[in-house]
Amino acid sequence: MPEQTTNKTDFFDKATEAIKVSERDFEQILKLLEHPPRPNDKLQAAIAALPCTL
């Protein structure tokens, strides 16, 4: 049976992991976080299909 997690911090500690990336990849990740690409038509349609209350 899976271990029950009662503390949110414990959950995130177990749900995340560190990965190593090159300096070039790290710079690309930061660039995308600071300036994300515009949503494409498929993503915009998915957003429009969401219920108004989430």
PDB file of N, CA and C in Angstrom:
ATOM      1  N   MET A   1       0.851  -1.188   0.000  1.00  0.00           N
ATOM      2  CA  MET A   1       0.000   0.000   0.000  1.00  0.00           C
ATOM      3  C   MET A   1       0.893   1.247   0.000  1.00  0.00           C
ATOM      4  N   PRO A   2       0.568   2.281  -0.816  1.00  0.00           N
ATOM      5  CA  PRO A   2       1.399   3.499  -0.859  1.00  0.00           C
ATOM      6  C   PRO A   2       1.405   4.211   0.485  1.00  0.00           C
ATOM      7  N   GLU A   3       2.521   4.858   0.755  1.00  0.00           N
ATOM      8  CA  GLU A   3       2.658   5.623   1.985  1.00  0.00           C
ATOM      9  C   GLU A   3       1.768   6.858   1.935  1.00  0.00           C
ATOM     10  N   GLN A   4       1.039   7.121   3.010  1.00  0.00           N
ATOM     11  CA  GLN A   4       0.174   8.303   3.080  1.00  0.00           C
ATOM     12  C   GLN A   4       1.020   9.527   3.406  1.00  0.00           C
ATOM     13  N   THR A   5       0.792  10.595   2.680  1.00  0.00           N
ATOM     14  CA  THR A   5       1.494  11.858   2.927  1.00  0.00           C
ATOM     15  C   THR A   5       0.503  12.829   3.551  1.00  0.00           C
ATOM     16  N   THR A   6       0.824  13.302   4.735  1.00  0.00           N
ATOM     17  CA  THR A   6      -0.073  14.223   5.423  1.00  0.00           C
ATOM     18  C   THR A   6       0.444  15.654   5.390  1.00  0.00           C
ATOM     19  N   ASN A   7       1.699  15.837   5.099  1.00  0.00           N
ATOM     20  CA  ASN A   7       2.301  17.153   5.097  1.00  0.00           C
ATOM     21  C   ASN A   7       2.584  17.559   3.650  1.00  0.00           C
ATOM     22  N   LYS A   8       2.123  18.751   3.259  1.00  0.00           N
ATOM     23  CA  LYS A   8       2.325  19.200   1.875  1.00  0.00           C
ATOM     24  C   LYS A   8       3.807  19.309   1.527  1.00  0.00           C
ATOM     25  N   THR A   9       4.621  19.710   2.488  1.00  0.00           N
ATOM     26  CA  THR A   9       6.051  19.800   2.240  1.00  0.00           C
ATOM     27  C   THR A   9       6.621  18.434   1.916  1.00  0.00           C
ATOM     28  N   ASP A  10       6.200  17.422   2.660  1.00  0.00           N
ATOM     29  CA  ASP A  10       6.664  16.053   2.384  1.00  0.00           C
ATOM     30  C   ASP A  10       6.256  15.631   0.982  1.00  0.00           C
ATOM     31  N   PHE A  11       5.038  15.973   0.583  1.00  0.00           N
ATOM     32  CA  PHE A  11       4.563  15.612  -0.754  1.00  0.00           C
ATOM     33  C   PHE A  11       5.468  16.207  -1.818  1.00  0.00           C
ATOM     34  N   PHE A  12       5.761  17.491  -1.712  1.00  0.00           N
ATOM     35  CA  PHE A  12       6.577  18.132  -2.733  1.00  0.00           C
ATOM     36  C   PHE A  12       8.018  17.647  -2.693  1.00  0.00           C
ATOM     37  N   ASP A  13       8.525  17.329  -1.512  1.00  0.00           N
ATOM     38  CA  ASP A  13       9.871  16.769  -1.426  1.00  0.00           C
ATOM     39  C   ASP A  13       9.944  15.456  -2.186  1.00  0.00           C
ATOM     40  N   LYS A  14       8.905  14.661  -2.099  1.00  0.00           N
ATOM     41  CA  LYS A  14       8.890  13.361  -2.761  1.00  0.00           C
ATOM     42  C   LYS A  14       8.516  13.475  -4.239  1.00  0.00           C
ATOM     43  N   ALA A  15       7.814  14.519  -4.616  1.00  0.00           N
ATOM     44  CA  ALA A  15       7.322  14.664  -5.984  1.00  0.00           C
ATOM     45  C   ALA A  15       8.303  15.401  -6.890  1.00  0.00           C
ATOM     46  N   THR A  16       9.343  15.949  -6.336  1.00  0.00           N
ATOM     47  CA  THR A  16      10.294  16.702  -7.148  1.00  0.00           C
ATOM     48  C   THR A  16      11.655  16.035  -7.119  1.00  0.00           C
ATOM     49  N   GLU A  17      12.423  16.324  -8.126  1.00  0.00           N
ATOM     50  CA  GLU A  17      13.784  15.833  -8.166  1.00  0.00           C
ATOM     51  C   GLU A  17      14.635  16.853  -8.901  1.00  0.00           C
ATOM     52  N   ALA A  18      15.900  16.867  -8.612  1.00  0.00           N
ATOM     53  CA  ALA A  18      16.823  17.787  -9.268  1.00  0.00           C
ATOM     54  C   ALA A  18      17.412  17.099 -10.489  1.00  0.00           C
ATOM     55  N   ILE A  19      17.536  17.843 -11.557  1.00  0.00           N
ATOM     56  CA  ILE A  19      18.207  17.318 -12.741  1.00  0.00           C
ATOM     57  C   ILE A  19      19.340  18.273 -13.096  1.00  0.00           C
ATOM     58  N   LYS A  20      20.359  17.742 -13.691  1.00  0.00           N
ATOM     59  CA  LYS A  20      21.485  18.574 -14.112  1.00  0.00           C
ATOM     60  C   LYS A  20      21.309  18.917 -15.580  1.00  0.00           C
ATOM     61  N   VAL A  21      21.490  20.184 -15.886  1.00  0.00           N
ATOM     62  CA  VAL A  21      21.423  20.641 -17.276  1.00  0.00           C
ATOM     63  C   VAL A  21      22.682  21.454 -17.567  1.00  0.00           C
ATOM     64  N   SER A  22      22.979  21.545 -18.828  1.00  0.00           N
ATOM     65  CA  SER A  22      24.146  22.330 -19.232  1.00  0.00           C
ATOM     66  C   SER A  22      23.860  23.818 -19.027  1.00  0.00           C
ATOM     67  N   GLU A  23      24.905  24.601 -19.038  1.00  0.00           N
ATOM     68  CA  GLU A  23      24.763  26.059 -18.917  1.00  0.00           C
ATOM     69  C   GLU A  23      23.879  26.600 -20.044  1.00  0.00           C
ATOM     70  N   ARG A  24      24.070  26.076 -21.260  1.00  0.00           N
ATOM     71  CA  ARG A  24      23.280  26.506 -22.414  1.00  0.00           C
ATOM     72  C   ARG A  24      21.805  26.181 -22.206  1.00  0.00           C
ATOM     73  N   ASP A  25      21.506  24.968 -21.745  1.00  0.00           N
ATOM     74  CA  ASP A  25      20.119  24.582 -21.505  1.00  0.00           C
ATOM     75  C   ASP A  25      19.501  25.403 -20.374  1.00  0.00           C
ATOM     76  N   PHE A  26      20.278  25.678 -19.335  1.00  0.00           N
ATOM     77  CA  PHE A  26      19.791  26.486 -18.220  1.00  0.00           C
ATOM     78  C   PHE A  26      19.411  27.882 -18.699  1.00  0.00           C
ATOM     79  N   GLU A  27      20.237  28.460 -19.537  1.00  0.00           N
ATOM     80  CA  GLU A  27      19.938  29.790 -20.085  1.00  0.00           C
ATOM     81  C   GLU A  27      18.662  29.755 -20.928  1.00  0.00           C
ATOM     82  N   GLN A  28      18.474  28.678 -21.689  1.00  0.00           N
ATOM     83  CA  GLN A  28      17.270  28.536 -22.513  1.00  0.00           C
ATOM     84  C   GLN A  28      16.025  28.407 -21.630  1.00  0.00           C
ATOM     85  N   ILE A  29      16.135  27.646 -20.549  1.00  0.00           N
ATOM     86  CA  ILE A  29      15.012  27.483 -19.615  1.00  0.00           C
ATOM     87  C   ILE A  29      14.634  28.834 -19.015  1.00  0.00           C
ATOM     88  N   LEU A  30      15.632  29.581 -18.564  1.00  0.00           N
ATOM     89  CA  LEU A  30      15.351  30.906 -17.997  1.00  0.00           C
ATOM     90  C   LEU A  30      14.703  31.826 -19.024  1.00  0.00           C
ATOM     91  N   LYS A  31      15.206  31.790 -20.248  1.00  0.00           N
ATOM     92  CA  LYS A  31      14.654  32.618 -21.323  1.00  0.00           C
ATOM     93  C   LYS A  31      13.176  32.285 -21.555  1.00  0.00           C
ATOM     94  N   LEU A  32      12.852  30.985 -21.586  1.00  0.00           N
ATOM     95  CA  LEU A  32      11.465  30.575 -21.812  1.00  0.00           C
ATOM     96  C   LEU A  32      10.562  30.932 -20.634  1.00  0.00           C
ATOM     97  N   LEU A  33      11.093  30.864 -19.419  1.00  0.00           N
ATOM     98  CA  LEU A  33      10.297  31.254 -18.250  1.00  0.00           C
ATOM     99  C   LEU A  33      10.019  32.755 -18.246  1.00  0.00           C
ATOM    100  N   GLU A  34      11.008  33.539 -18.649  1.00  0.00           N
ATOM    101  CA  GLU A  34      10.851  34.993 -18.663  1.00  0.00           C
ATOM    102  C   GLU A  34      10.034  35.469 -19.855  1.00  0.00           C
ATOM    103  N   HIS A  35      10.123  34.753 -20.967  1.00  0.00           N
ATOM    104  CA  HIS A  35       9.425  35.144 -22.195  1.00  0.00           C
ATOM    105  C   HIS A  35       8.817  33.903 -22.842  1.00  0.00           C
ATOM    106  N   PRO A  36       7.720  33.414 -22.284  1.00  0.00           N
ATOM    107  CA  PRO A  36       7.120  32.192 -22.833  1.00  0.00           C
ATOM    108  C   PRO A  36       6.570  32.418 -24.235  1.00  0.00           C
ATOM    109  N   PRO A  37       6.525  31.353 -25.039  1.00  0.00           N
ATOM    110  CA  PRO A  37       5.962  31.496 -26.390  1.00  0.00           C
ATOM    111  C   PRO A  37       4.466  31.759 -26.336  1.00  0.00           C
ATOM    112  N   ARG A  38       3.936  32.357 -27.382  1.00  0.00           N
ATOM    113  CA  ARG A  38       2.501  32.621 -27.457  1.00  0.00           C
ATOM    114  C   ARG A  38       1.758  31.294 -27.587  1.00  0.00           C
ATOM    115  N   PRO A  39       0.568  31.190 -27.008  1.00  0.00           N
ATOM    116  CA  PRO A  39      -0.199  29.943 -27.133  1.00  0.00           C
ATOM    117  C   PRO A  39      -0.627  29.702 -28.579  1.00  0.00           C
ATOM    118  N   ASN A  40      -0.523  28.453 -29.025  1.00  0.00           N
ATOM    119  CA  ASN A  40      -0.938  28.128 -30.391  1.00  0.00           C
ATOM    120  C   ASN A  40      -2.453  27.923 -30.447  1.00  0.00           C
ATOM    121  N   ASP A  41      -2.975  27.674 -31.635  1.00  0.00           N
ATOM    122  CA  ASP A  41      -4.429  27.532 -31.809  1.00  0.00           C
ATOM    123  C   ASP A  41      -5.004  26.384 -30.986  1.00  0.00           C
ATOM    124  N   LYS A  42      -4.283  25.273 -30.924  1.00  0.00           N
ATOM    125  CA  LYS A  42      -4.773  24.104 -30.181  1.00  0.00           C
ATOM    126  C   LYS A  42      -4.884  24.423 -28.686  1.00  0.00           C
ATOM    127  N   LEU A  43      -3.897  25.110 -28.135  1.00  0.00           N
ATOM    128  CA  LEU A  43      -3.943  25.480 -26.720  1.00  0.00           C
ATOM    129  C   LEU A  43      -5.056  26.486 -26.461  1.00  0.00           C
ATOM    130  N   GLN A  44      -5.216  27.456 -27.337  1.00  0.00           N
ATOM    131  CA  GLN A  44      -6.280  28.441 -27.163  1.00  0.00           C
ATOM    132  C   GLN A  44      -7.663  27.781 -27.202  1.00  0.00           C
ATOM    133  N   ALA A  45      -7.838  26.776 -28.067  1.00  0.00           N
ATOM    134  CA  ALA A  45      -9.109  26.058 -28.127  1.00  0.00           C
ATOM    135  C   ALA A  45      -9.348  25.273 -26.840  1.00  0.00           C
ATOM    136  N   ALA A  46      -8.297  24.678 -26.304  1.00  0.00           N
ATOM    137  CA  ALA A  46      -8.425  23.929 -25.047  1.00  0.00           C
ATOM    138  C   ALA A  46      -8.797  24.871 -23.895  1.00  0.00           C
ATOM    139  N   ILE A  47      -8.202  26.033 -23.869  1.00  0.00           N
ATOM    140  CA  ILE A  47      -8.520  27.022 -22.825  1.00  0.00           C
ATOM    141  C   ILE A  47      -9.970  27.473 -22.964  1.00  0.00           C
ATOM    142  N   ALA A  48     -10.402  27.722 -24.181  1.00  0.00           N
ATOM    143  CA  ALA A  48     -11.782  28.167 -24.411  1.00  0.00           C
ATOM    144  C   ALA A  48     -12.794  27.092 -24.012  1.00  0.00           C
ATOM    145  N   ALA A  49     -12.392  25.831 -24.086  1.00  0.00           N
ATOM    146  CA  ALA A  49     -13.303  24.728 -23.751  1.00  0.00           C
ATOM    147  C   ALA A  49     -13.404  24.473 -22.246  1.00  0.00           C
ATOM    148  N   LEU A  50     -12.515  25.097 -21.474  1.00  0.00           N
ATOM    149  CA  LEU A  50     -12.571  24.887 -20.015  1.00  0.00           C
ATOM    150  C   LEU A  50     -13.816  25.518 -19.423  1.00  0.00           C
ATOM    151  N   PRO A  51     -14.352  24.925 -18.365  1.00  0.00           N
ATOM    152  CA  PRO A  51     -15.477  25.570 -17.694  1.00  0.00           C
ATOM    153  C   PRO A  51     -15.014  26.877 -17.049  1.00  0.00           C
ATOM    154  N   CYS A  52     -15.927  27.784 -16.871  1.00  0.00           N
ATOM    155  CA  CYS A  52     -15.587  29.095 -16.300  1.00  0.00           C
ATOM    156  C   CYS A  52     -15.145  28.995 -14.852  1.00  0.00           C
ATOM    157  N   THR A  53     -15.596  27.983 -14.147  1.00  0.00           N
ATOM    158  CA  THR A  53     -15.231  27.825 -12.747  1.00  0.00           C
ATOM    159  C   THR A  53     -14.334  26.604 -12.590  1.00  0.00           C
ATOM    160  N   LEU A  54     -13.127  26.848 -12.176  1.00  0.00           N
ATOM    161  CA  LEU A  54     -12.198  25.747 -11.928  1.00  0.00           C
ATOM    162  C   LEU A  54     -11.911  25.656 -10.463  1.00  0.00           C
TER     163      LEU A  54
END
